[in-house]
Amino acid sequence: MVDPRYITITVAYDRAPRYGRWLEWIAPELKGSALTMTEDQLDEPAPSRTWAGLVDGSTYEQFAQAWRLKEAGETMSRTVGDHPDQASHTYVLDGMNWESGGESPIICVSVEVTRQG
C-alpha cells in the first residue's frame, strides 16, 4: 500500500486560456481529490494556477502512472524539515498532450510530491 501524498500542481499558461483552466481537464486522475486551488494568477502577465492537497495512496498511484512521474525523473529532491521520512520531489513537465483543436494553452506543469509517512 502506498502512503498518502501531498501534491502541489502549478500550471503555467501561454496566455489567458480559453480552456484548460480546471484541474479536472489537466489531471482527470485527480478528479474528486482533495486538491484545491491555492493561487489564481490568470490575469497576470505570466498566467498560472496552483492546486494543492493531500491525496490517498491509490489515487496518487493512478496519477503517477498516467503522468509517468517515475519515468520523467526528478528535477529536484530534498528532505522536508525535521522529518527525513517525508521526501519531497519536484517534476517539471512540458510536451504533454493538453491540446484541443491543435492548440495548447499550457506551457508547462510543475508537480511537487511529498510523501506523508
N, C-alpha and C. Protein backbone atom coordinates (compact mmCIF):
# COMPACT_ATOMS: atom_id res chain seq x y z
N MET A 1 0.85 -1.18 0.00
CA MET A 1 0.00 0.00 0.00
C MET A 1 0.89 1.24 0.00
N VAL A 2 0.55 2.19 -0.83
CA VAL A 2 1.30 3.43 -0.96
C VAL A 2 0.77 4.45 0.05
N ASP A 3 1.70 5.16 0.69
CA ASP A 3 1.31 6.21 1.64
C ASP A 3 0.62 7.35 0.90
N PRO A 4 -0.23 8.11 1.60
CA PRO A 4 -0.80 9.32 1.00
C PRO A 4 0.31 10.28 0.58
N ARG A 5 -0.01 11.15 -0.36
CA ARG A 5 0.94 12.14 -0.84
C ARG A 5 0.30 13.52 -0.81
N TYR A 6 1.10 14.52 -0.46
CA TYR A 6 0.67 15.91 -0.58
C TYR A 6 1.18 16.39 -1.93
N ILE A 7 0.28 16.83 -2.79
CA ILE A 7 0.65 17.22 -4.15
C ILE A 7 0.36 18.70 -4.36
N THR A 8 1.32 19.39 -4.98
CA THR A 8 1.13 20.77 -5.43
C THR A 8 1.36 20.78 -6.93
N ILE A 9 0.37 21.25 -7.68
CA ILE A 9 0.46 21.33 -9.14
C ILE A 9 0.35 22.79 -9.54
N THR A 10 1.37 23.29 -10.24
CA THR A 10 1.35 24.65 -10.77
C THR A 10 1.38 24.59 -12.29
N VAL A 11 0.41 25.21 -12.92
CA VAL A 11 0.28 25.21 -14.37
C VAL A 11 0.63 26.60 -14.88
N ALA A 12 1.60 26.67 -15.79
CA ALA A 12 1.98 27.93 -16.44
C ALA A 12 1.32 27.95 -17.82
N TYR A 13 0.60 29.03 -18.08
CA TYR A 13 -0.13 29.17 -19.33
C TYR A 13 0.60 30.12 -20.28
N ASP A 14 0.39 29.90 -21.58
CA ASP A 14 0.98 30.74 -22.61
C ASP A 14 0.36 32.13 -22.60
N ARG A 15 -0.91 32.19 -22.43
CA ARG A 15 -1.66 33.45 -22.37
C ARG A 15 -2.94 33.15 -21.61
N ALA A 16 -3.78 34.11 -21.44
CA ALA A 16 -5.04 33.87 -20.74
C ALA A 16 -5.80 32.77 -21.47
N PRO A 17 -5.96 31.61 -20.86
CA PRO A 17 -6.54 30.47 -21.59
C PRO A 17 -8.05 30.53 -21.70
N ARG A 18 -8.55 30.04 -22.84
CA ARG A 18 -9.98 29.89 -23.03
C ARG A 18 -10.44 28.54 -22.49
N TYR A 19 -9.53 27.57 -22.46
CA TYR A 19 -9.83 26.26 -21.92
C TYR A 19 -8.60 25.78 -21.16
N GLY A 20 -8.70 24.63 -20.50
CA GLY A 20 -7.57 24.11 -19.74
C GLY A 20 -7.38 24.82 -18.41
N ARG A 21 -8.43 25.44 -17.93
CA ARG A 21 -8.34 26.23 -16.70
C ARG A 21 -8.63 25.41 -15.45
N TRP A 22 -9.17 24.20 -15.60
CA TRP A 22 -9.64 23.43 -14.47
C TRP A 22 -8.80 22.19 -14.25
N LEU A 23 -8.60 21.84 -13.00
CA LEU A 23 -7.78 20.68 -12.65
C LEU A 23 -8.32 19.40 -13.28
N GLU A 24 -9.63 19.26 -13.36
CA GLU A 24 -10.22 18.06 -13.93
C GLU A 24 -9.83 17.87 -15.40
N TRP A 25 -9.59 18.96 -16.11
CA TRP A 25 -9.18 18.88 -17.52
C TRP A 25 -7.69 18.56 -17.61
N ILE A 26 -6.90 19.17 -16.73
CA ILE A 26 -5.45 19.00 -16.75
C ILE A 26 -5.05 17.62 -16.23
N ALA A 27 -5.65 17.21 -15.12
CA ALA A 27 -5.31 15.93 -14.47
C ALA A 27 -6.60 15.20 -14.08
N PRO A 28 -7.26 14.57 -15.03
CA PRO A 28 -8.52 13.89 -14.71
C PRO A 28 -8.36 12.80 -13.65
N GLU A 29 -7.14 12.30 -13.47
CA GLU A 29 -6.89 11.27 -12.44
C GLU A 29 -7.12 11.82 -11.03
N LEU A 30 -7.08 13.14 -10.89
CA LEU A 30 -7.25 13.76 -9.58
C LEU A 30 -8.65 14.31 -9.36
N LYS A 31 -9.55 14.03 -10.30
CA LYS A 31 -10.93 14.49 -10.15
C LYS A 31 -11.51 13.89 -8.88
N GLY A 32 -12.13 14.69 -8.09
CA GLY A 32 -12.71 14.23 -6.84
C GLY A 32 -11.73 14.15 -5.68
N SER A 33 -10.48 14.53 -5.92
CA SER A 33 -9.49 14.51 -4.84
C SER A 33 -9.65 15.76 -3.98
N ALA A 34 -8.83 15.84 -2.95
CA ALA A 34 -8.92 16.97 -2.02
C ALA A 34 -8.09 18.17 -2.46
N LEU A 35 -7.57 18.16 -3.69
CA LEU A 35 -6.79 19.30 -4.15
C LEU A 35 -7.70 20.51 -4.33
N THR A 36 -7.25 21.66 -3.85
CA THR A 36 -8.00 22.90 -4.02
C THR A 36 -7.08 23.95 -4.63
N MET A 37 -7.67 24.90 -5.32
CA MET A 37 -6.88 25.97 -5.92
C MET A 37 -6.35 26.88 -4.81
N THR A 38 -5.04 27.09 -4.83
CA THR A 38 -4.42 27.94 -3.82
C THR A 38 -3.94 29.27 -4.40
N GLU A 39 -3.73 29.32 -5.72
CA GLU A 39 -3.34 30.56 -6.40
C GLU A 39 -4.03 30.63 -7.75
N ASP A 40 -4.52 31.81 -8.09
CA ASP A 40 -5.12 32.04 -9.39
C ASP A 40 -4.54 33.32 -9.94
N GLN A 41 -3.63 33.19 -10.90
CA GLN A 41 -2.97 34.35 -11.49
C GLN A 41 -3.21 34.41 -12.99
N LEU A 42 -4.43 34.08 -13.41
CA LEU A 42 -4.73 34.07 -14.84
C LEU A 42 -4.71 35.46 -15.45
N ASP A 43 -4.90 36.49 -14.64
CA ASP A 43 -4.91 37.86 -15.17
C ASP A 43 -3.53 38.52 -15.12
N GLU A 44 -2.51 37.79 -14.71
CA GLU A 44 -1.14 38.32 -14.62
C GLU A 44 -0.45 38.21 -15.98
N PRO A 45 0.68 38.93 -16.17
CA PRO A 45 1.42 38.82 -17.43
C PRO A 45 1.93 37.40 -17.71
N ALA A 46 2.25 36.65 -16.66
CA ALA A 46 2.63 35.24 -16.81
C ALA A 46 1.56 34.41 -16.10
N PRO A 47 0.45 34.10 -16.80
CA PRO A 47 -0.68 33.45 -16.14
C PRO A 47 -0.33 32.06 -15.61
N SER A 48 -0.89 31.74 -14.43
CA SER A 48 -0.70 30.42 -13.84
C SER A 48 -1.81 30.15 -12.83
N ARG A 49 -1.93 28.88 -12.49
CA ARG A 49 -2.82 28.45 -11.43
C ARG A 49 -2.12 27.35 -10.64
N THR A 50 -2.40 27.31 -9.32
CA THR A 50 -1.80 26.30 -8.45
C THR A 50 -2.91 25.63 -7.64
N TRP A 51 -2.82 24.30 -7.59
CA TRP A 51 -3.70 23.49 -6.76
C TRP A 51 -2.84 22.69 -5.79
N ALA A 52 -3.34 22.44 -4.59
CA ALA A 52 -2.58 21.65 -3.61
C ALA A 52 -3.52 20.88 -2.71
N GLY A 53 -3.02 19.77 -2.18
CA GLY A 53 -3.81 18.99 -1.23
C GLY A 53 -3.28 17.58 -1.07
N LEU A 54 -3.84 16.89 -0.12
CA LEU A 54 -3.47 15.52 0.20
C LEU A 54 -4.32 14.55 -0.62
N VAL A 55 -3.67 13.57 -1.24
CA VAL A 55 -4.39 12.53 -1.96
C VAL A 55 -4.03 11.17 -1.36
N ASP A 56 -4.97 10.25 -1.43
CA ASP A 56 -4.71 8.92 -0.89
C ASP A 56 -3.73 8.17 -1.80
N GLY A 57 -3.18 7.09 -1.28
CA GLY A 57 -2.16 6.33 -1.99
C GLY A 57 -2.60 5.79 -3.33
N SER A 58 -3.81 5.24 -3.42
CA SER A 58 -4.25 4.66 -4.69
C SER A 58 -4.49 5.73 -5.75
N THR A 59 -5.01 6.88 -5.33
CA THR A 59 -5.19 7.99 -6.28
C THR A 59 -3.83 8.48 -6.77
N TYR A 60 -2.86 8.59 -5.86
CA TYR A 60 -1.52 9.00 -6.26
C TYR A 60 -0.92 8.01 -7.26
N GLU A 61 -1.08 6.71 -7.00
CA GLU A 61 -0.54 5.70 -7.91
C GLU A 61 -1.11 5.85 -9.31
N GLN A 62 -2.42 6.07 -9.42
CA GLN A 62 -3.04 6.27 -10.73
C GLN A 62 -2.49 7.52 -11.41
N PHE A 63 -2.37 8.60 -10.65
CA PHE A 63 -1.84 9.85 -11.17
C PHE A 63 -0.39 9.68 -11.62
N ALA A 64 0.45 9.08 -10.78
CA ALA A 64 1.88 8.90 -11.11
C ALA A 64 2.06 8.03 -12.35
N GLN A 65 1.23 7.00 -12.48
CA GLN A 65 1.31 6.14 -13.65
C GLN A 65 0.88 6.89 -14.91
N ALA A 66 -0.24 7.60 -14.84
CA ALA A 66 -0.75 8.34 -16.01
C ALA A 66 0.23 9.43 -16.45
N TRP A 67 0.87 10.07 -15.50
CA TRP A 67 1.80 11.16 -15.79
C TRP A 67 3.23 10.68 -15.94
N ARG A 68 3.46 9.38 -15.76
CA ARG A 68 4.79 8.77 -15.90
C ARG A 68 5.83 9.49 -15.04
N LEU A 69 5.47 9.76 -13.81
CA LEU A 69 6.36 10.51 -12.93
C LEU A 69 7.68 9.77 -12.67
N LYS A 70 7.64 8.46 -12.54
CA LYS A 70 8.87 7.72 -12.30
C LYS A 70 9.79 7.78 -13.52
N GLU A 71 9.20 7.81 -14.70
CA GLU A 71 9.98 7.89 -15.94
C GLU A 71 10.47 9.31 -16.21
N ALA A 72 9.74 10.32 -15.74
CA ALA A 72 10.07 11.71 -16.03
C ALA A 72 11.35 12.13 -15.33
N GLY A 73 11.68 11.50 -14.23
CA GLY A 73 12.86 11.89 -13.47
C GLY A 73 12.56 13.11 -12.64
N GLU A 74 13.29 13.24 -11.58
CA GLU A 74 13.08 14.35 -10.68
C GLU A 74 14.02 15.49 -11.03
N THR A 75 13.50 16.69 -11.04
CA THR A 75 14.35 17.84 -11.27
C THR A 75 14.96 18.30 -9.96
N MET A 76 14.37 17.88 -8.83
CA MET A 76 14.90 18.27 -7.53
C MET A 76 14.36 17.27 -6.51
N SER A 77 15.18 16.92 -5.56
CA SER A 77 14.74 16.04 -4.49
C SER A 77 15.34 16.57 -3.20
N ARG A 78 14.54 16.57 -2.14
CA ARG A 78 15.07 17.09 -0.89
C ARG A 78 14.31 16.48 0.28
N THR A 79 14.84 16.65 1.45
CA THR A 79 14.17 16.21 2.67
C THR A 79 13.47 17.41 3.26
N VAL A 80 12.27 17.20 3.76
CA VAL A 80 11.46 18.28 4.28
C VAL A 80 11.66 18.40 5.78
N GLY A 81 12.08 19.57 6.25
CA GLY A 81 12.16 19.89 7.66
C GLY A 81 12.85 18.86 8.51
N ASP A 82 12.27 18.56 9.66
CA ASP A 82 12.84 17.61 10.60
C ASP A 82 12.31 16.20 10.38
N HIS A 83 11.65 15.96 9.26
CA HIS A 83 11.03 14.66 9.01
C HIS A 83 11.71 13.99 7.81
N PRO A 84 12.79 13.23 8.06
CA PRO A 84 13.51 12.61 6.95
C PRO A 84 12.68 11.61 6.16
N ASP A 85 11.56 11.09 6.74
CA ASP A 85 10.72 10.16 6.01
C ASP A 85 9.77 10.86 5.05
N GLN A 86 9.73 12.19 5.07
CA GLN A 86 8.87 12.95 4.17
C GLN A 86 9.70 13.54 3.03
N ALA A 87 10.08 12.71 2.10
CA ALA A 87 10.86 13.16 0.96
C ALA A 87 9.96 13.92 0.00
N SER A 88 10.46 15.01 -0.52
CA SER A 88 9.71 15.83 -1.47
C SER A 88 10.43 15.78 -2.82
N HIS A 89 9.66 15.59 -3.88
CA HIS A 89 10.22 15.53 -5.23
C HIS A 89 9.45 16.49 -6.12
N THR A 90 10.17 17.21 -6.96
CA THR A 90 9.53 18.14 -7.89
C THR A 90 9.83 17.71 -9.32
N TYR A 91 8.79 17.69 -10.13
CA TYR A 91 8.89 17.35 -11.54
C TYR A 91 8.41 18.56 -12.34
N VAL A 92 9.11 18.89 -13.41
CA VAL A 92 8.66 19.93 -14.33
C VAL A 92 8.42 19.24 -15.66
N LEU A 93 7.17 19.30 -16.11
CA LEU A 93 6.77 18.56 -17.30
C LEU A 93 6.28 19.51 -18.38
N ASP A 94 6.78 19.30 -19.58
CA ASP A 94 6.23 20.00 -20.72
C ASP A 94 6.11 18.98 -21.85
N GLY A 95 5.48 19.35 -22.90
CA GLY A 95 5.33 18.43 -24.02
C GLY A 95 4.23 17.39 -23.82
N MET A 96 3.49 17.48 -22.73
CA MET A 96 2.38 16.54 -22.57
C MET A 96 1.24 17.00 -23.48
N ASN A 97 0.35 16.10 -23.77
CA ASN A 97 -0.71 16.39 -24.72
C ASN A 97 -1.91 17.03 -24.03
N TRP A 98 -1.88 18.35 -23.93
CA TRP A 98 -3.01 19.09 -23.40
C TRP A 98 -3.69 19.84 -24.54
N GLU A 99 -3.55 19.35 -25.77
CA GLU A 99 -4.06 20.06 -26.93
C GLU A 99 -5.55 19.86 -27.13
N SER A 100 -6.14 20.87 -27.73
CA SER A 100 -7.52 20.81 -28.21
C SER A 100 -7.58 21.65 -29.47
N GLY A 101 -7.96 21.07 -30.56
CA GLY A 101 -8.01 21.80 -31.81
C GLY A 101 -6.64 22.22 -32.31
N GLY A 102 -5.60 21.44 -31.98
CA GLY A 102 -4.25 21.75 -32.44
C GLY A 102 -3.53 22.80 -31.62
N GLU A 103 -4.14 23.29 -30.55
CA GLU A 103 -3.51 24.30 -29.69
C GLU A 103 -3.45 23.79 -28.26
N SER A 104 -2.47 24.29 -27.53
CA SER A 104 -2.42 24.01 -26.10
C SER A 104 -2.19 25.32 -25.37
N PRO A 105 -3.00 25.61 -24.36
CA PRO A 105 -2.80 26.84 -23.60
C PRO A 105 -1.69 26.71 -22.56
N ILE A 106 -1.18 25.48 -22.35
CA ILE A 106 -0.26 25.21 -21.26
C ILE A 106 1.19 25.19 -21.75
N ILE A 107 2.05 25.93 -21.06
CA ILE A 107 3.48 25.91 -21.35
C ILE A 107 4.12 24.71 -20.66
N CYS A 108 3.93 24.62 -19.35
CA CYS A 108 4.47 23.50 -18.58
C CYS A 108 3.73 23.37 -17.27
N VAL A 109 3.96 22.25 -16.61
CA VAL A 109 3.34 21.97 -15.32
C VAL A 109 4.42 21.54 -14.36
N SER A 110 4.40 22.12 -13.17
CA SER A 110 5.31 21.71 -12.10
C SER A 110 4.50 20.91 -11.10
N VAL A 111 5.02 19.73 -10.72
CA VAL A 111 4.34 18.87 -9.76
C VAL A 111 5.30 18.61 -8.61
N GLU A 112 4.91 18.99 -7.41
CA GLU A 112 5.70 18.68 -6.22
C GLU A 112 4.94 17.64 -5.43
N VAL A 113 5.63 16.56 -5.08
CA VAL A 113 5.02 15.44 -4.37
C VAL A 113 5.78 15.21 -3.07
N THR A 114 5.06 15.21 -1.95
CA THR A 114 5.66 14.93 -0.65
C THR A 114 4.99 13.72 -0.05
N ARG A 115 5.80 12.71 0.27
CA ARG A 115 5.27 11.50 0.89
C ARG A 115 4.88 11.80 2.33
N GLN A 116 3.73 11.35 2.72
CA GLN A 116 3.24 11.54 4.09
C GLN A 116 3.37 10.20 4.82
N GLY A 117 4.52 9.95 5.44
CA GLY A 117 4.77 8.64 6.07
C GLY A 117 4.49 8.65 7.54
